[in-house]
Amino acid sequence: MKTPFDFEQRRHALVLYALGALPLPLTFLDIDHLAITPSTLAGFILFKIIQNHGREIFAADGRPKILLNTICQHLCCLFGNEALAVSSSYSPYVNYSSHVFNHGMNLYLTLTGTGSAEFRLANAMKEMTRENHNHLFMKDLINRFIIFIRGHFMNESAFLEFIKITSKSG
């Protein structure tokens, strides 16, 4: 019988794992639960897991889509709930969602190697927006992609063109 995910009970071990100080058996279910836990510390742990262990976790076939789903779950969980994320007494007044998104997108680009970066990001955005119908969240997500593209000196026009193409094809 599986025990339920208790973030408060596991947070110390997860921090040590994320920082590479403690080997810990980590499952995709643990990652899913971290992604949907509205806590600054959970966001920090998820960011560090993506940064330090992401290649090993998400490199296999089909797993880059799991990475996109994890990022999307995290962003969706905290969207409109930023006050929840900073209410913990042990957490600083910081939200790590942008870290999760930026490091996750960098990892996604590293793991997926066909086509231009703009094309791959357009596909990532299509995948991440497929199941979500919240207009405000979608606007925020698209804005994150645009900021990412500008911050990485990519071709914004090409990205927008690929968005049009991928929207028509799917």
N, C-alpha and C. Protein backbone atom coordinates (compact mmCIF):
# COMPACT_ATOMS: atom_id res chain seq x y z
N MET A 1 0.83 -1.18 0.00
CA MET A 1 0.00 0.00 0.00
C MET A 1 0.88 1.25 0.00
N LYS A 2 0.58 2.16 -0.91
CA LYS A 2 1.35 3.39 -0.99
C LYS A 2 0.89 4.38 0.07
N THR A 3 1.86 5.02 0.71
CA THR A 3 1.51 6.06 1.65
C THR A 3 1.35 7.37 0.88
N PRO A 4 0.48 8.26 1.34
CA PRO A 4 0.29 9.52 0.62
C PRO A 4 1.54 10.39 0.72
N PHE A 5 1.70 11.26 -0.24
CA PHE A 5 2.83 12.18 -0.26
C PHE A 5 2.63 13.22 0.83
N ASP A 6 3.56 13.28 1.76
CA ASP A 6 3.51 14.27 2.84
C ASP A 6 4.74 15.16 2.69
N PHE A 7 4.52 16.33 2.09
CA PHE A 7 5.63 17.23 1.81
C PHE A 7 6.37 17.62 3.08
N GLU A 8 5.64 17.96 4.11
CA GLU A 8 6.29 18.39 5.35
C GLU A 8 7.19 17.31 5.92
N GLN A 9 6.79 16.06 5.80
CA GLN A 9 7.59 14.95 6.31
C GLN A 9 8.81 14.69 5.44
N ARG A 10 8.68 14.88 4.13
CA ARG A 10 9.77 14.52 3.21
C ARG A 10 10.63 15.69 2.78
N ARG A 11 10.29 16.92 3.14
CA ARG A 11 10.96 18.08 2.58
C ARG A 11 12.46 18.11 2.84
N HIS A 12 12.90 17.74 4.02
CA HIS A 12 14.33 17.79 4.33
C HIS A 12 15.11 16.79 3.45
N ALA A 13 14.61 15.58 3.34
CA ALA A 13 15.27 14.58 2.50
C ALA A 13 15.25 15.00 1.03
N LEU A 14 14.14 15.59 0.58
CA LEU A 14 14.06 16.04 -0.81
C LEU A 14 15.02 17.19 -1.10
N VAL A 15 15.20 18.09 -0.15
CA VAL A 15 16.18 19.17 -0.32
C VAL A 15 17.58 18.58 -0.46
N LEU A 16 17.92 17.66 0.43
CA LEU A 16 19.24 17.04 0.37
C LEU A 16 19.44 16.30 -0.95
N TYR A 17 18.41 15.61 -1.43
CA TYR A 17 18.50 14.93 -2.72
C TYR A 17 18.70 15.94 -3.85
N ALA A 18 17.89 16.99 -3.84
CA ALA A 18 17.95 18.00 -4.90
C ALA A 18 19.31 18.66 -4.97
N LEU A 19 19.96 18.81 -3.84
CA LEU A 19 21.28 19.43 -3.80
C LEU A 19 22.41 18.43 -4.01
N GLY A 20 22.07 17.16 -4.17
CA GLY A 20 23.07 16.14 -4.43
C GLY A 20 23.78 15.63 -3.19
N ALA A 21 23.23 15.90 -2.01
CA ALA A 21 23.89 15.50 -0.77
C ALA A 21 23.40 14.17 -0.22
N LEU A 22 22.29 13.67 -0.74
CA LEU A 22 21.72 12.43 -0.22
C LEU A 22 21.07 11.66 -1.35
N PRO A 23 21.55 10.43 -1.61
CA PRO A 23 20.85 9.62 -2.60
C PRO A 23 19.50 9.20 -2.03
N LEU A 24 18.47 9.34 -2.83
CA LEU A 24 17.12 9.06 -2.37
C LEU A 24 16.34 8.45 -3.52
N PRO A 25 15.59 7.41 -3.27
CA PRO A 25 14.75 6.90 -4.36
C PRO A 25 13.64 7.92 -4.64
N LEU A 26 13.61 8.41 -5.85
CA LEU A 26 12.65 9.43 -6.26
C LEU A 26 11.83 8.86 -7.41
N THR A 27 10.52 9.02 -7.34
CA THR A 27 9.65 8.50 -8.39
C THR A 27 9.03 9.67 -9.16
N PHE A 28 8.42 9.36 -10.31
CA PHE A 28 7.71 10.39 -11.05
C PHE A 28 6.52 10.89 -10.24
N LEU A 29 5.95 10.04 -9.43
CA LEU A 29 4.85 10.46 -8.57
C LEU A 29 5.33 11.50 -7.56
N ASP A 30 6.53 11.31 -7.01
CA ASP A 30 7.12 12.30 -6.11
C ASP A 30 7.29 13.64 -6.83
N ILE A 31 7.78 13.58 -8.06
CA ILE A 31 7.98 14.81 -8.85
C ILE A 31 6.64 15.47 -9.13
N ASP A 32 5.63 14.67 -9.47
CA ASP A 32 4.28 15.23 -9.68
C ASP A 32 3.77 15.92 -8.42
N HIS A 33 3.94 15.28 -7.28
CA HIS A 33 3.48 15.87 -6.03
C HIS A 33 4.25 17.15 -5.71
N LEU A 34 5.54 17.16 -5.96
CA LEU A 34 6.30 18.39 -5.76
C LEU A 34 5.76 19.51 -6.64
N ALA A 35 5.46 19.16 -7.89
CA ALA A 35 4.98 20.16 -8.85
C ALA A 35 3.67 20.79 -8.41
N ILE A 36 2.82 20.02 -7.74
CA ILE A 36 1.51 20.55 -7.35
C ILE A 36 1.43 20.96 -5.89
N THR A 37 2.56 21.03 -5.21
CA THR A 37 2.59 21.49 -3.83
C THR A 37 2.82 23.00 -3.83
N PRO A 38 1.85 23.78 -3.35
CA PRO A 38 1.97 25.24 -3.39
C PRO A 38 2.86 25.77 -2.26
N SER A 39 4.13 25.55 -2.41
CA SER A 39 5.11 25.96 -1.40
C SER A 39 6.35 26.47 -2.10
N THR A 40 6.93 27.51 -1.57
CA THR A 40 8.17 28.04 -2.11
C THR A 40 9.26 26.98 -2.06
N LEU A 41 9.33 26.26 -0.96
CA LEU A 41 10.35 25.23 -0.82
C LEU A 41 10.15 24.11 -1.84
N ALA A 42 8.90 23.72 -2.09
CA ALA A 42 8.64 22.69 -3.11
C ALA A 42 9.11 23.18 -4.48
N GLY A 43 8.87 24.46 -4.78
CA GLY A 43 9.34 25.03 -6.04
C GLY A 43 10.85 25.04 -6.13
N PHE A 44 11.52 25.37 -5.02
CA PHE A 44 12.98 25.36 -4.99
C PHE A 44 13.51 23.95 -5.22
N ILE A 45 12.92 22.98 -4.56
CA ILE A 45 13.35 21.58 -4.70
C ILE A 45 13.15 21.12 -6.13
N LEU A 46 12.00 21.42 -6.71
CA LEU A 46 11.73 21.03 -8.10
C LEU A 46 12.75 21.67 -9.04
N PHE A 47 13.03 22.95 -8.85
CA PHE A 47 14.03 23.65 -9.66
C PHE A 47 15.39 22.98 -9.54
N LYS A 48 15.83 22.65 -8.33
CA LYS A 48 17.14 22.04 -8.13
C LYS A 48 17.18 20.61 -8.70
N ILE A 49 16.07 19.88 -8.61
CA ILE A 49 16.02 18.54 -9.20
C ILE A 49 16.17 18.64 -10.72
N ILE A 50 15.45 19.59 -11.33
CA ILE A 50 15.57 19.78 -12.79
C ILE A 50 17.00 20.19 -13.13
N GLN A 51 17.54 21.12 -12.38
CA GLN A 51 18.89 21.63 -12.65
C GLN A 51 19.96 20.56 -12.45
N ASN A 52 19.90 19.82 -11.36
CA ASN A 52 20.97 18.89 -11.00
C ASN A 52 20.78 17.46 -11.48
N HIS A 53 19.54 17.04 -11.65
CA HIS A 53 19.27 15.65 -11.99
C HIS A 53 18.39 15.49 -13.23
N GLY A 54 18.03 16.59 -13.84
CA GLY A 54 17.08 16.56 -14.95
C GLY A 54 17.49 15.70 -16.12
N ARG A 55 18.76 15.73 -16.48
CA ARG A 55 19.22 14.91 -17.61
C ARG A 55 18.98 13.43 -17.35
N GLU A 56 19.30 12.99 -16.15
CA GLU A 56 19.13 11.58 -15.82
C GLU A 56 17.65 11.19 -15.75
N ILE A 57 16.82 12.10 -15.26
CA ILE A 57 15.41 11.78 -15.06
C ILE A 57 14.61 11.87 -16.35
N PHE A 58 14.86 12.90 -17.17
CA PHE A 58 13.97 13.20 -18.29
C PHE A 58 14.56 12.92 -19.67
N ALA A 59 15.73 12.29 -19.76
CA ALA A 59 16.39 12.11 -21.05
C ALA A 59 15.83 10.98 -21.90
N ALA A 60 15.22 9.99 -21.31
CA ALA A 60 14.74 8.83 -22.07
C ALA A 60 13.59 9.22 -23.00
N ASP A 61 13.32 8.36 -23.97
CA ASP A 61 12.23 8.60 -24.93
C ASP A 61 10.92 8.88 -24.21
N GLY A 62 10.24 9.92 -24.65
CA GLY A 62 8.96 10.28 -24.08
C GLY A 62 9.03 11.10 -22.81
N ARG A 63 10.17 11.13 -22.18
CA ARG A 63 10.27 11.83 -20.90
C ARG A 63 10.36 13.35 -21.02
N PRO A 64 10.84 13.91 -22.14
CA PRO A 64 10.75 15.38 -22.24
C PRO A 64 9.31 15.89 -22.13
N LYS A 65 8.34 15.09 -22.58
CA LYS A 65 6.93 15.48 -22.41
C LYS A 65 6.53 15.44 -20.94
N ILE A 66 7.10 14.51 -20.20
CA ILE A 66 6.84 14.46 -18.75
C ILE A 66 7.41 15.72 -18.09
N LEU A 67 8.58 16.15 -18.55
CA LEU A 67 9.18 17.38 -18.05
C LEU A 67 8.24 18.56 -18.30
N LEU A 68 7.72 18.68 -19.53
CA LEU A 68 6.80 19.77 -19.85
C LEU A 68 5.55 19.71 -18.98
N ASN A 69 5.04 18.52 -18.76
CA ASN A 69 3.87 18.35 -17.91
C ASN A 69 4.17 18.78 -16.47
N THR A 70 5.35 18.44 -15.98
CA THR A 70 5.75 18.81 -14.63
C THR A 70 5.83 20.32 -14.49
N ILE A 71 6.46 20.97 -15.46
CA ILE A 71 6.58 22.43 -15.44
C ILE A 71 5.19 23.06 -15.47
N CYS A 72 4.35 22.56 -16.36
CA CYS A 72 3.00 23.11 -16.50
C CYS A 72 2.18 22.92 -15.22
N GLN A 73 2.28 21.75 -14.61
CA GLN A 73 1.57 21.49 -13.35
C GLN A 73 2.00 22.48 -12.27
N HIS A 74 3.32 22.70 -12.20
CA HIS A 74 3.85 23.61 -11.18
C HIS A 74 3.35 25.04 -11.42
N LEU A 75 3.45 25.50 -12.66
CA LEU A 75 3.01 26.86 -12.97
C LEU A 75 1.51 27.02 -12.72
N CYS A 76 0.75 26.02 -13.11
CA CYS A 76 -0.70 26.06 -12.94
C CYS A 76 -1.07 26.04 -11.46
N CYS A 77 -0.37 25.25 -10.67
CA CYS A 77 -0.63 25.15 -9.23
C CYS A 77 -0.42 26.49 -8.54
N LEU A 78 0.62 27.20 -8.93
CA LEU A 78 0.94 28.45 -8.26
C LEU A 78 0.28 29.66 -8.91
N PHE A 79 -0.28 29.49 -10.10
CA PHE A 79 -0.89 30.61 -10.78
C PHE A 79 -2.06 31.16 -9.96
N GLY A 80 -1.98 32.41 -9.61
CA GLY A 80 -3.02 33.03 -8.81
C GLY A 80 -2.94 32.69 -7.34
N ASN A 81 -2.00 31.85 -6.95
CA ASN A 81 -1.85 31.43 -5.55
C ASN A 81 -0.48 31.78 -5.00
N GLU A 82 0.12 32.86 -5.51
CA GLU A 82 1.47 33.20 -5.08
C GLU A 82 1.55 33.42 -3.57
N ALA A 83 0.47 33.92 -2.97
CA ALA A 83 0.49 34.15 -1.52
C ALA A 83 0.63 32.84 -0.76
N LEU A 84 0.06 31.74 -1.27
CA LEU A 84 0.22 30.44 -0.63
C LEU A 84 1.66 29.99 -0.66
N ALA A 85 2.35 30.29 -1.74
CA ALA A 85 3.71 29.83 -1.91
C ALA A 85 4.69 30.51 -0.97
N VAL A 86 4.33 31.66 -0.47
CA VAL A 86 5.27 32.38 0.39
C VAL A 86 4.80 32.46 1.84
N SER A 87 3.79 31.68 2.19
CA SER A 87 3.26 31.77 3.54
C SER A 87 3.96 30.85 4.55
N SER A 88 4.81 29.96 4.09
CA SER A 88 5.49 29.05 5.01
C SER A 88 6.51 29.80 5.85
N SER A 89 6.59 29.43 7.11
CA SER A 89 7.50 30.13 8.01
C SER A 89 8.97 29.84 7.68
N TYR A 90 9.26 28.72 7.04
CA TYR A 90 10.63 28.36 6.72
C TYR A 90 11.06 28.81 5.33
N SER A 91 10.18 29.45 4.59
CA SER A 91 10.48 29.82 3.21
C SER A 91 10.72 31.32 3.08
N PRO A 92 11.66 31.69 2.23
CA PRO A 92 11.86 33.11 1.97
C PRO A 92 10.73 33.64 1.08
N TYR A 93 10.62 34.95 0.99
CA TYR A 93 9.60 35.57 0.15
C TYR A 93 10.09 35.55 -1.30
N VAL A 94 10.15 34.36 -1.85
CA VAL A 94 10.63 34.16 -3.23
C VAL A 94 9.76 33.08 -3.85
N ASN A 95 9.51 33.22 -5.13
CA ASN A 95 8.78 32.20 -5.86
C ASN A 95 9.73 31.64 -6.92
N TYR A 96 9.88 30.35 -6.98
CA TYR A 96 10.85 29.72 -7.89
C TYR A 96 10.23 29.27 -9.21
N SER A 97 9.01 29.68 -9.50
CA SER A 97 8.34 29.26 -10.73
C SER A 97 9.13 29.65 -11.97
N SER A 98 9.69 30.85 -11.98
CA SER A 98 10.47 31.26 -13.16
C SER A 98 11.73 30.41 -13.30
N HIS A 99 12.31 29.99 -12.17
CA HIS A 99 13.48 29.11 -12.21
C HIS A 99 13.09 27.74 -12.77
N VAL A 100 11.96 27.21 -12.30
CA VAL A 100 11.47 25.92 -12.80
C VAL A 100 11.24 26.02 -14.30
N PHE A 101 10.57 27.09 -14.74
CA PHE A 101 10.28 27.25 -16.16
C PHE A 101 11.57 27.40 -16.98
N ASN A 102 12.44 28.31 -16.60
CA ASN A 102 13.65 28.58 -17.39
C ASN A 102 14.60 27.40 -17.43
N HIS A 103 14.86 26.79 -16.31
CA HIS A 103 15.75 25.62 -16.31
C HIS A 103 15.10 24.43 -17.01
N GLY A 104 13.79 24.31 -16.83
CA GLY A 104 13.06 23.24 -17.52
C GLY A 104 13.09 23.42 -19.03
N MET A 105 12.91 24.64 -19.51
CA MET A 105 12.95 24.88 -20.96
C MET A 105 14.36 24.69 -21.51
N ASN A 106 15.36 25.12 -20.77
CA ASN A 106 16.75 24.87 -21.20
C ASN A 106 17.02 23.38 -21.31
N LEU A 107 16.56 22.62 -20.32
CA LEU A 107 16.74 21.18 -20.35
C LEU A 107 15.96 20.57 -21.51
N TYR A 108 14.74 21.03 -21.72
CA TYR A 108 13.93 20.52 -22.83
C TYR A 108 14.66 20.75 -24.16
N LEU A 109 15.22 21.92 -24.35
CA LEU A 109 15.96 22.20 -25.58
C LEU A 109 17.19 21.31 -25.72
N THR A 110 17.82 20.99 -24.61
CA THR A 110 18.98 20.10 -24.63
C THR A 110 18.57 18.67 -24.98
N LEU A 111 17.44 18.24 -24.48
CA LEU A 111 17.01 16.85 -24.67
C LEU A 111 16.35 16.59 -26.01
N THR A 112 15.78 17.62 -26.62
CA THR A 112 15.11 17.46 -27.91
C THR A 112 15.97 18.13 -28.96
N GLY A 113 16.44 17.37 -29.92
CA GLY A 113 17.42 17.92 -30.83
C GLY A 113 17.01 18.09 -32.27
N THR A 114 15.74 17.97 -32.61
CA THR A 114 15.37 18.09 -34.02
C THR A 114 14.71 19.44 -34.27
N GLY A 115 15.19 20.14 -35.27
CA GLY A 115 14.64 21.45 -35.61
C GLY A 115 15.30 22.56 -34.82
N SER A 116 14.93 23.77 -35.17
CA SER A 116 15.50 24.94 -34.49
C SER A 116 14.97 25.03 -33.06
N ALA A 117 15.65 25.80 -32.25
CA ALA A 117 15.20 26.00 -30.87
C ALA A 117 13.81 26.64 -30.86
N GLU A 118 13.58 27.57 -31.77
CA GLU A 118 12.27 28.23 -31.85
C GLU A 118 11.17 27.22 -32.19
N PHE A 119 11.46 26.30 -33.11
CA PHE A 119 10.49 25.27 -33.49
C PHE A 119 10.21 24.34 -32.31
N ARG A 120 11.26 23.93 -31.61
CA ARG A 120 11.08 23.04 -30.46
C ARG A 120 10.31 23.72 -29.33
N LEU A 121 10.56 25.02 -29.13
CA LEU A 121 9.81 25.74 -28.11
C LEU A 121 8.35 25.91 -28.51
N ALA A 122 8.09 26.10 -29.79
CA ALA A 122 6.70 26.18 -30.26
C ALA A 122 5.99 24.86 -29.99
N ASN A 123 6.67 23.76 -30.23
CA ASN A 123 6.08 22.45 -29.92
C ASN A 123 5.87 22.27 -28.42
N ALA A 124 6.82 22.77 -27.62
CA ALA A 124 6.68 22.69 -26.17
C ALA A 124 5.46 23.49 -25.72
N MET A 125 5.31 24.68 -26.27
CA MET A 125 4.17 25.50 -25.88
C MET A 125 2.86 24.84 -26.31
N LYS A 126 2.84 24.26 -27.49
CA LYS A 126 1.63 23.56 -27.95
C LYS A 126 1.29 22.42 -26.98
N GLU A 127 2.30 21.68 -26.58
CA GLU A 127 2.09 20.56 -25.65
C GLU A 127 1.58 21.06 -24.29
N MET A 128 2.15 22.15 -23.80
CA MET A 128 1.79 22.65 -22.48
C MET A 128 0.42 23.33 -22.46
N THR A 129 -0.04 23.82 -23.59
CA THR A 129 -1.34 24.50 -23.64
C THR A 129 -2.46 23.59 -24.10
N ARG A 130 -2.14 22.38 -24.45
CA ARG A 130 -3.12 21.44 -25.00
C ARG A 130 -4.31 21.20 -24.07
N GLU A 131 -4.07 20.97 -22.81
CA GLU A 131 -5.12 20.57 -21.88
C GLU A 131 -5.67 21.71 -21.04
N ASN A 132 -5.10 22.90 -21.13
CA ASN A 132 -5.50 23.98 -20.25
C ASN A 132 -6.45 24.94 -20.95
N HIS A 133 -7.51 25.29 -20.26
CA HIS A 133 -8.51 26.18 -20.85
C HIS A 133 -8.64 27.50 -20.08
N ASN A 134 -7.78 27.73 -19.11
CA ASN A 134 -7.80 28.96 -18.34
C ASN A 134 -7.11 30.06 -19.15
N HIS A 135 -7.88 31.01 -19.62
CA HIS A 135 -7.36 32.06 -20.50
C HIS A 135 -6.24 32.88 -19.85
N LEU A 136 -6.40 33.23 -18.59
CA LEU A 136 -5.38 34.03 -17.91
C LEU A 136 -4.08 33.24 -17.73
N PHE A 137 -4.21 31.96 -17.40
CA PHE A 137 -3.01 31.13 -17.26
C PHE A 137 -2.30 31.00 -18.61
N MET A 138 -3.08 30.80 -19.66
CA MET A 138 -2.49 30.67 -21.01
C MET A 138 -1.73 31.94 -21.38
N LYS A 139 -2.31 33.08 -21.07
CA LYS A 139 -1.65 34.36 -21.37
C LYS A 139 -0.33 34.46 -20.61
N ASP A 140 -0.33 34.06 -19.34
CA ASP A 140 0.88 34.07 -18.53
C ASP A 140 1.93 33.11 -19.09
N LEU A 141 1.49 31.93 -19.49
CA LEU A 141 2.41 30.93 -20.04
C LEU A 141 3.04 31.42 -21.35
N ILE A 142 2.23 31.96 -22.22
CA ILE A 142 2.76 32.50 -23.49
C ILE A 142 3.75 33.61 -23.22
N ASN A 143 3.45 34.46 -22.24
CA ASN A 143 4.37 35.53 -21.87
C ASN A 143 5.70 34.97 -21.37
N ARG A 144 5.65 33.87 -20.61
CA ARG A 144 6.90 33.24 -20.14
C ARG A 144 7.74 32.76 -21.32
N PHE A 145 7.08 32.18 -22.32
CA PHE A 145 7.81 31.74 -23.52
C PHE A 145 8.45 32.92 -24.24
N ILE A 146 7.72 34.00 -24.38
CA ILE A 146 8.24 35.19 -25.08
C ILE A 146 9.44 35.75 -24.31
N ILE A 147 9.33 35.87 -23.01
CA ILE A 147 10.44 36.37 -22.19
C ILE A 147 11.64 35.44 -22.31
N PHE A 148 11.40 34.12 -22.30
CA PHE A 148 12.48 33.15 -22.44
C PHE A 148 13.19 33.34 -23.78
N ILE A 149 12.42 33.48 -24.84
CA ILE A 149 12.99 33.65 -26.18
C ILE A 149 13.82 34.93 -26.27
N ARG A 150 13.27 36.01 -25.76
CA ARG A 150 14.01 37.28 -25.77
C ARG A 150 15.27 37.20 -24.92
N GLY A 151 15.16 36.56 -23.76
CA GLY A 151 16.30 36.45 -22.86
C GLY A 151 17.39 35.52 -23.36
N HIS A 152 17.08 34.69 -24.35
CA HIS A 152 18.06 33.78 -24.93
C HIS A 152 18.42 34.17 -26.37
N PHE A 153 18.07 35.40 -26.73
CA PHE A 153 18.43 35.98 -28.03
C PHE A 153 17.98 35.11 -29.20
N MET A 154 16.79 34.53 -29.06
CA MET A 154 16.24 33.72 -30.13
C MET A 154 15.39 34.60 -31.05
N ASN A 155 14.98 34.03 -32.16
CA ASN A 155 14.20 34.75 -33.15
C ASN A 155 12.72 34.66 -32.78
N GLU A 156 12.21 35.76 -32.23
CA GLU A 156 10.81 35.79 -31.78
C GLU A 156 9.85 35.64 -32.95
N SER A 157 10.16 36.23 -34.08
CA SER A 157 9.29 36.13 -35.27
C SER A 157 9.19 34.68 -35.74
N ALA A 158 10.32 33.98 -35.73
CA ALA A 158 10.31 32.57 -36.15
C ALA A 158 9.47 31.75 -35.18
N PHE A 159 9.61 32.01 -33.87
CA PHE A 159 8.82 31.31 -32.87
C PHE A 159 7.32 31.51 -33.12
N LEU A 160 6.92 32.76 -33.34
CA LEU A 160 5.51 33.07 -33.57
C LEU A 160 5.00 32.41 -34.85
N GLU A 161 5.84 32.34 -35.87
CA GLU A 161 5.48 31.68 -37.11
C GLU A 161 5.31 30.17 -36.87
N PHE A 162 6.22 29.58 -36.12
CA PHE A 162 6.09 28.15 -35.79
C PHE A 162 4.85 27.89 -34.96
N ILE A 163 4.47 28.82 -34.09
CA ILE A 163 3.24 28.67 -33.30
C ILE A 163 2.05 28.57 -34.26
N LYS A 164 2.01 29.44 -35.26
CA LYS A 164 0.92 29.40 -36.24
C LYS A 164 0.90 28.06 -36.96
N ILE A 165 2.06 27.59 -37.38
CA ILE A 165 2.16 26.33 -38.13
C ILE A 165 1.72 25.15 -37.25
N THR A 166 2.23 25.09 -36.01
CA THR A 166 1.89 23.96 -35.14
C THR A 166 0.43 24.01 -34.71
N SER A 167 -0.15 25.21 -34.62
CA SER A 167 -1.57 25.32 -34.28
C SER A 167 -2.45 24.76 -35.37
N LYS A 168 -2.06 24.96 -36.61
CA LYS A 168 -2.84 24.46 -37.73
C LYS A 168 -2.72 22.95 -37.88
N SER A 169 -1.56 22.41 -37.49
CA SER A 169 -1.32 20.98 -37.69
C SER A 169 -1.90 20.11 -36.58
N GLY A 170 -2.33 20.69 -35.51
CA GLY A 170 -2.73 19.81 -34.44
C GLY A 170 -4.02 20.12 -33.84
